[in-house]
Amino acid sequence: MASSEKYIQTKLDERKLLGNYRTLRPEGTLGDFCTNDYLGFARSPVLKASIQHETDNHPLSLNGATGSRLISGNLSYAEKLEKAIAAYHQADAGLLFNSGYDANVGLFSSLPQKGDTVICDELVHASVIDGARLSYANRYTFRHNDPESLEGKLKAAKGICYVAIESVYSMDGDTPPVADILKLTQQYGAHLIVDEAHAVGLYPAGMISDLNLQDQVFARIITFGKALGCHGAIILGSNLLREYLINFARSFIYTTAAPFHQLAAVKMAYGLLQKSSAEIGQLHTNISLFKQGIKQSDTHPLLQSDSAIQCVLLNSNEKAKQAAQQLQNAGLDVRAILSPTVAQGTERIRICIHSYNTAEEIDLLTSTINNITHV
């Protein structure tokens, strides 16, 4: 066996031995407590019809973008969409990216320079970490949602300093003390960047707008693949930041632009979002129903979260997989989150609540979890 193949096989065998081997699985018919489709937009016939109408009746609608936005792939439609999204989120400007991963990698790899500092919450998205690694800046992490730990890192920061947090954390579902963190960044002259991927929809325009802090945050990353039910992302900030990213963000410069269909989907999703107060209200009701139905366990606690993401700790890969399988056997699509995606000893089942989950489904979910965690 060639050396590279031997290495690959050895690493895969190690994953199997540790119980965290990843496999792909096709779509299923179980009750959905797994997807990030919090408001049901991905399955919405109303949204689907509006996207179809927009693409069928627009002269710029091609099957593909034909090139990067700096060559042949830019459209006036995309630029108008950027302005409309920025206005919705009360930002000066925005720049579209093909995915949330592309947005974070592009921002954090191009903006901080050698001699600067990036400080991340220890649970921030992998894409933020990957981007920061490419920047050659000094990198630190602070204890999750801990302003005191952050201040210690701010004191050691050099050059221009950027602090990266999420407004709703993807694996714990909790929220940071944004006002306290913002106060610290301002005290030390640092710039706060907030990933809002899992906040839009729970809060119509995101948590930062909900707190009326949009003018004090350096940049926000908004993704469209969660509550908006489509695909892509936008970085919101100043006009100056937008121009900088057009010139220096490699994940923007050196990729084919999004096709017209993707742009139309985003535009129509924002239109639907502005008419979805009932769905947002039902999402919050369903989150409350779930939390009321769960019996707290000392050995398998429910993490504190008021968001659509709820997690029960099982503390090992094997226990998390067994719990997920029992829920799937009950007709509920709940997935195990294993180390190294989360820290060893914090393996869990991750439950996503949606506006379209019925009270009966939620009752079955909570009763099944209670039986698993109280044996």
Protein backbone atom coordinates (compact mmCIF):
# COMPACT_ATOMS: atom_id res chain seq x y z
CA MET A 1 0.00 0.00 0.00
CA ALA A 2 1.28 3.45 -0.92
CA SER A 3 2.27 5.66 2.00
CA SER A 4 -0.56 8.17 1.50
CA GLU A 5 -3.17 5.43 1.34
CA LYS A 6 -1.74 3.83 4.48
CA TYR A 7 -1.96 7.17 6.30
CA ILE A 8 -5.56 7.70 5.17
CA GLN A 9 -6.62 4.21 6.23
CA THR A 10 -4.90 4.57 9.61
CA LYS A 11 -6.67 7.86 10.34
CA LEU A 12 -10.04 6.41 9.37
CA ASP A 13 -9.45 3.36 11.53
CA GLU A 14 -8.60 5.65 14.46
CA ARG A 15 -11.91 7.45 14.00
CA LYS A 16 -13.81 4.16 14.03
CA LEU A 17 -11.98 3.05 17.16
CA LEU A 18 -12.85 6.33 18.94
CA GLY A 19 -16.49 6.07 17.90
CA ASN A 20 -16.53 9.33 15.95
CA TYR A 21 -16.35 8.06 12.36
CA ARG A 22 -18.46 10.27 10.11
CA THR A 23 -20.75 8.98 7.37
CA LEU A 24 -23.25 10.62 5.05
CA ARG A 25 -26.90 9.66 5.22
CA PRO A 26 -29.74 10.55 2.84
CA GLU A 27 -32.89 12.45 3.69
CA GLY A 28 -35.52 10.68 5.76
CA THR A 29 -39.15 10.93 6.82
CA LEU A 30 -38.73 11.28 10.59
CA GLY A 31 -40.13 14.21 12.56
CA ASP A 32 -37.66 17.04 12.07
CA PHE A 33 -35.71 18.07 15.15
CA CYS A 34 -32.42 18.15 13.29
CA THR A 35 -32.36 20.81 10.57
CA ASN A 36 -31.62 24.53 10.89
CA ASP A 37 -34.86 25.33 9.04
CA TYR A 38 -36.23 27.13 12.11
CA LEU A 39 -39.16 28.90 10.39
CA GLY A 40 -39.88 26.30 7.72
CA PHE A 41 -38.68 28.47 4.84
CA ALA A 42 -36.75 25.63 3.15
CA ARG A 43 -39.99 23.67 2.78
CA SER A 44 -42.28 26.65 2.19
CA PRO A 45 -44.43 26.35 -0.97
CA VAL A 46 -45.03 30.10 -0.79
CA LEU A 47 -41.30 30.82 -0.90
CA LYS A 48 -40.75 28.23 -3.62
CA ALA A 49 -43.43 29.78 -5.81
CA SER A 50 -42.11 33.32 -5.32
CA ILE A 51 -38.57 32.22 -6.23
CA GLN A 52 -39.87 30.50 -9.36
CA HIS A 53 -41.81 33.59 -10.38
CA GLU A 54 -38.78 35.82 -9.82
CA THR A 55 -36.45 33.61 -11.87
CA ASP A 56 -38.98 33.05 -14.68
CA ASN A 57 -39.68 36.74 -15.11
CA HIS A 58 -36.28 38.36 -14.78
CA PRO A 59 -34.11 39.06 -17.86
CA LEU A 60 -30.86 38.48 -15.92
CA SER A 61 -31.83 34.92 -14.94
CA LEU A 62 -29.12 32.56 -16.21
CA ASN A 63 -28.38 29.02 -15.08
CA GLY A 64 -24.93 30.04 -13.85
CA ALA A 65 -23.06 33.21 -12.95
CA THR A 66 -20.42 32.67 -15.70
CA GLY A 67 -17.50 33.86 -13.59
CA SER A 68 -16.35 35.64 -10.44
CA ARG A 69 -18.02 38.93 -9.57
CA LEU A 70 -14.84 40.81 -10.48
CA ILE A 71 -14.83 39.34 -14.00
CA SER A 72 -18.23 38.48 -15.51
CA GLY A 73 -20.36 37.31 -12.59
CA ASN A 74 -21.51 40.60 -11.07
CA LEU A 75 -25.12 41.72 -11.46
CA SER A 76 -26.88 44.96 -10.63
CA TYR A 77 -29.44 42.62 -9.01
CA ALA A 78 -26.75 41.41 -6.56
CA GLU A 79 -25.69 44.96 -5.69
CA LYS A 80 -29.29 46.05 -5.11
CA LEU A 81 -29.82 42.96 -2.96
CA GLU A 82 -26.76 43.80 -0.86
CA LYS A 83 -28.11 47.30 -0.24
CA ALA A 84 -31.57 45.98 0.66
CA ILE A 85 -30.20 43.41 3.13
CA ALA A 86 -27.89 45.98 4.71
CA ALA A 87 -30.83 48.36 5.16
CA TYR A 88 -32.93 45.59 6.73
CA HIS A 89 -30.21 44.91 9.29
CA GLN A 90 -29.51 48.65 9.77
CA ALA A 91 -25.97 48.45 8.39
CA ASP A 92 -24.17 50.83 6.03
CA ALA A 93 -23.19 48.17 3.51
CA GLY A 94 -22.91 44.47 2.81
CA LEU A 95 -21.02 42.04 0.59
CA LEU A 96 -22.48 38.71 -0.48
CA PHE A 97 -20.50 35.48 -0.15
CA ASN A 98 -21.36 32.02 -1.43
CA SER A 99 -21.61 30.52 2.07
CA GLY A 100 -21.14 31.39 5.72
CA TYR A 101 -17.88 29.47 5.68
CA ASP A 102 -16.63 31.53 2.74
CA ALA A 103 -17.65 34.74 4.49
CA ASN A 104 -15.81 33.99 7.74
CA VAL A 105 -12.71 32.65 6.00
CA GLY A 106 -12.63 35.66 3.69
CA LEU A 107 -13.05 38.19 6.48
CA PHE A 108 -10.69 36.72 9.06
CA SER A 109 -7.96 35.74 6.61
CA SER A 110 -7.78 39.14 4.90
CA LEU A 111 -8.51 41.73 7.58
CA PRO A 112 -6.10 40.96 10.47
CA GLN A 113 -2.45 41.26 9.48
CA LYS A 114 0.82 39.97 10.92
CA GLY A 115 1.30 41.77 14.23
CA ASP A 116 -2.45 42.19 14.78
CA THR A 117 -4.54 40.08 17.18
CA VAL A 118 -7.68 37.98 16.82
CA ILE A 119 -9.42 36.90 20.04
CA CYS A 120 -12.18 34.29 19.69
CA ASP A 121 -14.66 32.79 22.09
CA GLU A 122 -13.50 29.19 22.51
CA LEU A 123 -16.77 27.90 20.98
CA VAL A 124 -16.83 30.14 17.92
CA HIS A 125 -17.49 28.62 14.47
CA ALA A 126 -14.72 26.55 12.89
CA SER A 127 -14.80 28.86 9.86
CA VAL A 128 -13.75 31.81 12.05
CA ILE A 129 -10.85 29.79 13.43
CA ASP A 130 -9.81 28.63 9.96
CA GLY A 131 -9.86 32.19 8.64
CA ALA A 132 -7.85 33.52 11.58
CA ARG A 133 -5.23 30.81 11.08
CA LEU A 134 -4.70 32.03 7.52
CA SER A 135 -4.21 35.63 8.62
CA TYR A 136 -0.79 35.29 10.34
CA ALA A 137 -2.19 37.43 13.16
CA ASN A 138 -1.68 36.58 16.83
CA ARG A 139 -4.55 34.32 17.93
CA TYR A 140 -6.08 33.83 21.37
CA THR A 141 -9.24 32.21 22.69
CA PHE A 142 -11.16 33.17 25.82
CA ARG A 143 -13.39 31.04 28.02
CA HIS A 144 -16.88 30.74 26.63
CA ASN A 145 -19.04 33.79 27.38
CA ASP A 146 -16.56 34.93 30.05
CA PRO A 147 -15.80 38.70 29.94
CA GLU A 148 -13.10 38.35 32.62
CA SER A 149 -11.23 35.82 30.51
CA LEU A 150 -11.65 38.06 27.47
CA GLU A 151 -10.19 41.04 29.34
CA GLY A 152 -7.08 39.05 30.16
CA LYS A 153 -6.54 38.40 26.46
CA LEU A 154 -7.30 42.01 25.52
CA LYS A 155 -4.55 43.15 27.87
CA ALA A 156 -2.08 40.99 25.92
CA ALA A 157 -3.29 42.06 22.47
CA LYS A 158 -0.95 43.74 19.99
CA GLY A 159 -1.63 45.73 16.85
CA ILE A 160 -5.21 46.06 15.66
CA CYS A 161 -7.41 43.73 17.71
CA TYR A 162 -10.55 41.91 16.55
CA VAL A 163 -12.84 39.98 18.92
CA ALA A 164 -15.06 37.27 17.40
CA ILE A 165 -18.22 35.91 19.00
CA GLU A 166 -21.53 34.39 17.93
CA SER A 167 -24.88 35.84 18.97
CA VAL A 168 -26.34 32.32 19.25
CA TYR A 169 -23.81 29.51 19.54
CA SER A 170 -24.34 26.69 17.09
CA MET A 171 -23.52 23.76 19.36
CA ASP A 172 -24.73 25.06 22.77
CA GLY A 173 -27.55 27.33 21.64
CA ASP A 174 -26.73 29.92 24.29
CA THR A 175 -26.11 33.64 23.91
CA PRO A 176 -23.19 35.81 25.09
CA PRO A 177 -23.30 38.86 27.36
CA VAL A 178 -23.00 41.09 24.31
CA ALA A 179 -23.22 44.42 26.15
CA ASP A 180 -20.43 43.43 28.58
CA ILE A 181 -18.22 42.17 25.75
CA LEU A 182 -18.85 45.30 23.70
CA LYS A 183 -17.96 47.49 26.66
CA LEU A 184 -14.62 45.68 27.01
CA THR A 185 -13.79 45.91 23.32
CA GLN A 186 -14.46 49.63 23.39
CA GLN A 187 -12.39 50.06 26.55
CA TYR A 188 -9.39 48.37 24.92
CA GLY A 189 -9.87 49.80 21.43
CA ALA A 190 -10.74 46.43 19.87
CA HIS A 191 -13.27 45.73 17.10
CA LEU A 192 -16.19 43.36 17.75
CA ILE A 193 -17.28 40.94 15.01
CA VAL A 194 -20.48 38.95 15.55
CA ASP A 195 -21.54 35.83 13.65
CA GLU A 196 -25.36 35.90 13.59
CA ALA A 197 -25.92 32.64 11.69
CA HIS A 198 -28.33 31.12 14.22
CA ALA A 199 -29.90 34.35 15.49
CA VAL A 200 -31.72 35.61 12.39
CA GLY A 201 -35.26 34.26 12.53
CA LEU A 202 -35.24 33.82 16.28
CA TYR A 203 -34.78 37.60 16.25
CA PRO A 204 -36.11 38.91 12.91
CA ALA A 205 -32.99 40.92 12.03
CA GLY A 206 -30.58 39.21 14.43
CA MET A 207 -29.72 39.75 18.07
CA ILE A 208 -27.48 42.78 17.51
CA SER A 209 -30.31 44.73 15.87
CA ASP A 210 -32.69 43.47 18.55
CA LEU A 211 -30.37 44.97 21.19
CA ASN A 212 -29.96 48.15 19.08
CA LEU A 213 -26.19 47.72 19.09
CA GLN A 214 -25.68 47.61 15.31
CA ASP A 215 -23.85 50.95 15.21
CA GLN A 216 -21.29 49.76 17.78
CA VAL A 217 -20.35 46.44 16.14
CA PHE A 218 -17.57 46.44 13.55
CA ALA A 219 -18.97 43.64 11.38
CA ARG A 220 -21.74 41.05 11.36
CA ILE A 221 -21.96 37.81 9.41
CA ILE A 222 -25.50 36.88 8.36
CA THR A 223 -26.06 33.48 6.76
CA PHE A 224 -29.03 32.44 4.65
CA GLY A 225 -28.91 28.66 5.11
CA LYS A 226 -30.59 28.52 8.51
CA ALA A 227 -33.90 30.32 9.22
CA LEU A 228 -33.97 31.89 5.74
CA GLY A 229 -34.06 28.43 4.18
CA CYS A 230 -31.76 29.06 1.22
CA HIS A 231 -27.98 29.47 0.84
CA GLY A 232 -25.17 32.02 1.04
CA ALA A 233 -24.12 34.77 3.43
CA ILE A 234 -23.41 38.47 3.72
CA ILE A 235 -20.85 40.45 5.71
CA LEU A 236 -22.35 43.65 7.05
CA GLY A 237 -20.27 46.66 8.02
CA SER A 238 -19.08 49.97 6.66
CA ASN A 239 -18.73 50.90 3.00
CA LEU A 240 -14.98 51.00 3.60
CA LEU A 241 -15.00 47.38 4.85
CA ARG A 242 -17.00 46.29 1.80
CA GLU A 243 -14.47 47.87 -0.56
CA TYR A 244 -11.60 46.27 1.36
CA LEU A 245 -13.14 42.80 1.12
CA ILE A 246 -13.75 43.20 -2.62
CA ASN A 247 -10.03 43.86 -2.99
CA PHE A 248 -8.51 41.44 -0.46
CA ALA A 249 -10.92 38.62 0.55
CA ARG A 250 -9.68 35.66 -1.46
CA SER A 251 -12.85 33.59 -0.93
CA PHE A 252 -14.74 36.42 -2.66
CA ILE A 253 -12.21 37.24 -5.37
CA TYR A 254 -11.30 33.77 -6.58
CA THR A 255 -14.66 32.00 -6.78
CA THR A 256 -17.50 31.87 -9.26
CA ALA A 257 -20.33 34.12 -8.14
CA ALA A 258 -23.65 32.76 -6.91
CA PRO A 259 -26.14 31.99 -9.71
CA PHE A 260 -29.19 34.17 -10.19
CA HIS A 261 -31.46 31.54 -8.64
CA GLN A 262 -29.55 31.79 -5.35
CA LEU A 263 -29.82 35.58 -5.33
CA ALA A 264 -33.53 35.42 -6.09
CA ALA A 265 -34.04 32.89 -3.29
CA VAL A 266 -32.36 35.20 -0.79
CA LYS A 267 -34.37 38.21 -1.93
CA MET A 268 -37.68 36.34 -1.73
CA ALA A 269 -36.75 34.84 1.67
CA TYR A 270 -36.21 38.32 3.10
CA GLY A 271 -39.58 39.34 1.72
CA LEU A 272 -41.20 36.37 3.44
CA LEU A 273 -39.32 37.02 6.68
CA GLN A 274 -40.97 40.43 6.96
CA LYS A 275 -44.39 38.69 6.88
CA SER A 276 -43.51 35.89 9.32
CA SER A 277 -44.32 37.30 12.75
CA ALA A 278 -46.74 34.41 13.35
CA GLU A 279 -44.07 31.82 12.55
CA ILE A 280 -41.53 33.58 14.76
CA GLY A 281 -44.05 33.65 17.58
CA GLN A 282 -44.80 29.96 17.12
CA LEU A 283 -41.08 29.16 17.20
CA HIS A 284 -40.76 30.84 20.59
CA THR A 285 -43.87 29.00 21.82
CA ASN A 286 -42.44 25.66 20.72
CA ILE A 287 -39.11 26.38 22.42
CA SER A 288 -41.00 27.06 25.65
CA LEU A 289 -43.04 23.85 25.26
CA PHE A 290 -39.87 21.82 24.87
CA LYS A 291 -38.18 23.35 27.90
CA GLN A 292 -41.29 22.88 30.03
CA GLY A 293 -41.47 19.20 29.10
CA ILE A 294 -37.87 18.26 29.84
CA LYS A 295 -37.03 16.89 33.28
CA GLN A 296 -33.64 18.19 34.35
CA SER A 297 -31.09 15.46 35.00
CA ASP A 298 -27.94 15.79 37.10
CA THR A 299 -26.08 13.25 34.97
CA HIS A 300 -27.44 14.31 31.55
CA PRO A 301 -28.30 18.02 31.88
CA LEU A 302 -30.10 20.18 29.38
CA LEU A 303 -27.80 23.09 28.54
CA GLN A 304 -29.14 26.56 29.30
CA SER A 305 -30.52 28.01 26.08
CA ASP A 306 -33.45 30.17 25.05
CA SER A 307 -32.79 29.63 21.35
CA ALA A 308 -34.04 27.06 18.85
CA ILE A 309 -30.93 24.96 19.62
CA GLN A 310 -31.33 22.75 22.70
CA CYS A 311 -28.73 20.20 23.81
CA VAL A 312 -28.71 17.33 26.27
CA LEU A 313 -25.25 16.27 27.42
CA LEU A 314 -24.53 12.53 27.26
CA ASN A 315 -20.78 12.82 28.00
CA SER A 316 -19.53 10.16 25.59
CA ASN A 317 -19.73 9.41 21.88
CA GLU A 318 -21.32 6.04 22.47
CA LYS A 319 -24.04 7.31 24.83
CA ALA A 320 -24.84 10.20 22.48
CA LYS A 321 -25.20 7.82 19.54
CA GLN A 322 -27.38 5.45 21.56
CA ALA A 323 -29.68 8.28 22.64
CA ALA A 324 -29.98 9.57 19.08
CA GLN A 325 -30.82 6.08 17.85
CA GLN A 326 -33.57 5.67 20.45
CA LEU A 327 -35.10 8.97 19.36
CA GLN A 328 -34.91 7.95 15.71
CA ASN A 329 -36.57 4.64 16.58
CA ALA A 330 -39.39 6.72 18.06
CA GLY A 331 -39.78 8.54 14.72
CA LEU A 332 -37.84 11.68 15.63
CA ASP A 333 -34.83 12.93 13.67
CA VAL A 334 -32.35 13.96 16.37
CA ARG A 335 -28.62 13.63 15.77
CA ALA A 336 -25.66 12.99 18.04
CA ILE A 337 -22.88 15.58 18.16
CA LEU A 338 -19.61 13.82 18.84
CA SER A 339 -16.09 14.81 19.80
CA PRO A 340 -14.00 16.30 18.27
CA THR A 341 -16.82 18.54 16.96
CA VAL A 342 -17.46 19.27 20.64
CA ALA A 343 -14.95 18.84 23.44
CA GLN A 344 -14.41 15.33 24.74
CA GLY A 345 -16.75 14.70 27.65
CA THR A 346 -19.40 17.10 26.30
CA GLU A 347 -20.84 14.82 23.61
CA ARG A 348 -24.55 15.40 23.20
CA ILE A 349 -27.76 15.19 21.28
CA ARG A 350 -28.55 18.49 19.56
CA ILE A 351 -32.24 19.29 19.17
CA CYS A 352 -33.44 21.96 16.77
CA ILE A 353 -36.91 23.34 17.43
CA HIS A 354 -39.00 24.70 14.55
CA SER A 355 -42.14 26.75 14.09
CA TYR A 356 -43.76 23.78 12.29
CA ASN A 357 -43.16 21.16 15.00
CA THR A 358 -46.51 20.13 16.50
CA ALA A 359 -47.28 20.00 20.22
CA GLU A 360 -47.70 16.23 19.87
CA GLU A 361 -44.24 15.88 18.32
CA ILE A 362 -42.68 17.98 21.06
CA ASP A 363 -44.43 15.92 23.75
CA LEU A 364 -43.14 12.69 22.19
CA LEU A 365 -39.66 14.22 21.98
CA THR A 366 -39.51 15.32 25.61
CA SER A 367 -41.02 12.12 27.01
CA THR A 368 -38.57 10.00 25.02
CA ILE A 369 -35.60 12.07 26.19
CA ASN A 370 -36.81 11.92 29.78
CA ASN A 371 -36.95 8.14 29.62
CA ILE A 372 -33.44 7.98 28.15
CA THR A 373 -31.79 10.32 30.64
CA HIS A 374 -33.51 9.08 33.80
CA VAL A 375 -32.57 5.42 33.60
